[in-house]
Protein backbone atom coordinates (compact mmCIF):
# COMPACT_ATOMS: atom_id res chain seq x y z
CA UNK A 1 94.67 62.49 81.72
CA UNK A 2 91.26 63.45 82.72
CA UNK A 3 91.93 66.35 85.33
CA UNK A 4 88.28 65.16 87.19
CA UNK A 5 89.54 61.28 87.51
CA UNK A 6 90.12 60.61 91.13
CA UNK A 7 91.44 56.83 92.07
CA UNK A 8 89.38 54.55 93.70
CA UNK A 9 89.78 50.75 94.97
CA UNK A 10 87.67 47.62 94.88
CA UNK A 11 87.56 44.15 95.49
CA UNK A 12 85.35 41.83 93.91
CA UNK A 13 83.39 39.52 96.13
CA UNK A 14 83.55 35.88 95.70
CA UNK A 15 81.14 32.80 96.62
CA UNK A 16 82.71 29.57 97.66
CA UNK A 17 80.31 27.23 98.47
CA UNK A 18 82.92 24.73 99.78
CA UNK A 19 85.67 26.85 100.96
CA UNK A 20 88.21 23.93 101.70
CA UNK A 21 88.20 23.38 97.56
CA UNK A 22 89.51 26.38 96.87
CA UNK A 23 86.41 26.91 93.87
CA UNK A 24 84.34 29.81 93.70
CA UNK A 25 82.45 32.60 91.91
CA UNK A 26 82.04 36.02 91.38
CA UNK A 27 79.02 37.24 92.75
CA UNK A 28 79.72 40.97 93.72
CA UNK A 29 82.10 43.99 94.40
CA UNK A 30 82.84 46.60 96.58
CA UNK A 31 84.07 49.60 95.63
CA UNK A 32 85.82 52.70 97.75
CA UNK A 33 86.57 56.25 96.26
CA UNK A 34 88.17 58.35 99.18
CA UNK A 35 87.89 61.40 97.12
CA UNK A 36 84.33 61.41 96.71
CA UNK A 37 83.61 59.98 100.09
CA UNK A 38 82.10 56.76 98.19
CA UNK A 39 81.79 53.25 99.54
CA UNK A 40 79.21 50.92 97.99
CA UNK A 41 78.59 47.51 97.13
CA UNK A 42 76.45 45.37 94.29
CA UNK A 43 75.99 41.89 93.83
CA UNK A 44 74.38 39.68 91.21
CA UNK A 45 73.76 35.83 92.38
CA UNK A 46 72.87 33.57 90.05
CA UNK A 47 71.75 30.38 91.63
CA UNK A 48 72.53 27.57 89.28
CA UNK A 49 75.95 28.84 89.17
CA UNK A 50 76.21 28.49 92.63
CA UNK A 51 74.72 24.96 92.76
CA UNK A 52 77.26 23.89 89.89
CA UNK A 53 79.75 24.42 92.76
CA UNK A 54 77.56 22.74 95.66
CA UNK A 55 74.42 21.15 94.80
CA UNK A 56 73.46 21.82 98.74
CA UNK A 57 74.23 25.56 98.84
CA UNK A 58 72.05 27.67 100.73
CA UNK A 59 71.82 30.82 97.93
CA UNK A 60 69.71 32.45 100.98
CA UNK A 61 72.71 32.42 103.00
CA UNK A 62 74.75 33.54 100.39
CA UNK A 63 72.64 36.32 99.81
CA UNK A 64 72.11 37.02 103.39
CA UNK A 65 75.83 37.93 103.71
CA UNK A 66 76.10 39.99 101.01
CA UNK A 67 73.02 41.90 102.26
CA UNK A 68 75.43 42.38 105.34
CA UNK A 69 78.00 43.56 103.16
CA UNK A 70 75.94 46.51 101.89
CA UNK A 71 74.94 47.21 105.13
CA UNK A 72 78.48 47.87 106.17
CA UNK A 73 79.12 49.93 103.39
CA UNK A 74 76.08 51.88 103.79
CA UNK A 75 76.80 52.55 107.41
CA UNK A 76 73.56 50.53 108.85
CA UNK A 77 73.56 49.52 112.09
CA UNK A 78 72.07 46.14 110.86
CA UNK A 79 75.95 45.84 109.76
CA UNK A 80 77.30 45.67 113.07
CA UNK A 81 80.19 47.03 114.68
CA UNK A 82 81.66 47.66 111.41
CA UNK A 83 79.18 49.66 110.11
CA UNK A 84 79.59 52.29 112.72
CA UNK A 85 83.54 52.87 111.79
CA UNK A 86 84.45 55.69 109.08
CA UNK A 87 84.36 55.03 105.46
CA UNK A 88 87.70 54.10 104.95
CA UNK A 89 87.95 51.73 107.72
CA UNK A 90 84.63 49.61 106.52
CA UNK A 91 86.05 49.48 103.36
CA UNK A 92 89.51 47.66 104.82
CA UNK A 93 87.37 45.40 107.16
CA UNK A 94 85.78 44.49 104.06
CA UNK A 95 88.75 44.13 101.81
CA UNK A 96 90.42 41.87 104.91
CA UNK A 97 91.38 37.97 103.78
CA UNK A 98 88.72 35.74 105.33
CA UNK A 99 87.95 32.11 105.07
CA UNK A 100 84.11 32.59 104.64
CA UNK A 101 81.15 31.26 102.07
CA UNK A 102 81.67 34.85 100.81
CA UNK A 103 84.91 36.52 100.49
CA UNK A 104 86.70 39.51 99.04
CA UNK A 105 89.50 38.93 96.29
CA UNK A 106 92.87 40.95 96.08
CA UNK A 107 92.25 44.64 96.10
CA UNK A 108 92.59 46.68 92.88
CA UNK A 109 92.32 50.31 91.77
CA UNK A 110 91.21 52.30 89.10
CA UNK A 111 90.28 56.10 88.31
CA UNK A 112 86.50 57.33 88.61
CA UNK A 113 84.61 60.67 88.19
CA UNK A 114 81.32 58.42 88.87
CA UNK A 115 82.04 55.55 91.41
CA UNK A 116 78.42 54.17 91.20
CA UNK A 117 78.73 53.62 87.60
CA UNK A 118 82.10 52.06 87.79
CA UNK A 119 80.73 49.73 90.16
CA UNK A 120 77.82 48.49 87.70
CA UNK A 121 80.63 48.25 85.35
CA UNK A 122 82.62 46.04 87.58
CA UNK A 123 79.67 43.81 87.91
CA UNK A 124 79.30 43.68 83.82
CA UNK A 125 82.78 42.84 83.59
CA UNK A 126 83.41 40.67 86.61
CA UNK A 127 79.86 38.70 87.68
CA UNK A 128 77.49 38.76 85.31
């Protein structure tokens, strides 16, 4: 095992235009690495995939929700009160189960020495 690798946690972000139906598509990821003081979110929304689940979905609302998540990760005041908390608390807040159009999947773990690259890898593996 590479001694430079440190643990990280992540959640895949899901968009569920009709939450009551339980149908969703993966649209992004949030990655938290305590050892490297990293919390980041990335997303890639394909409107046609969302509209396949619900032709009336407001794609702009989904994207605004994802922008809010990114603001929370960055500690940006636009992220609201959650953005003002410590980095680990922000991740736990973002990873908490909720019934919203954009919500997190279960928390998973991995090892990294480059969390930004692994965040992009997660997008390639689960979203794109």
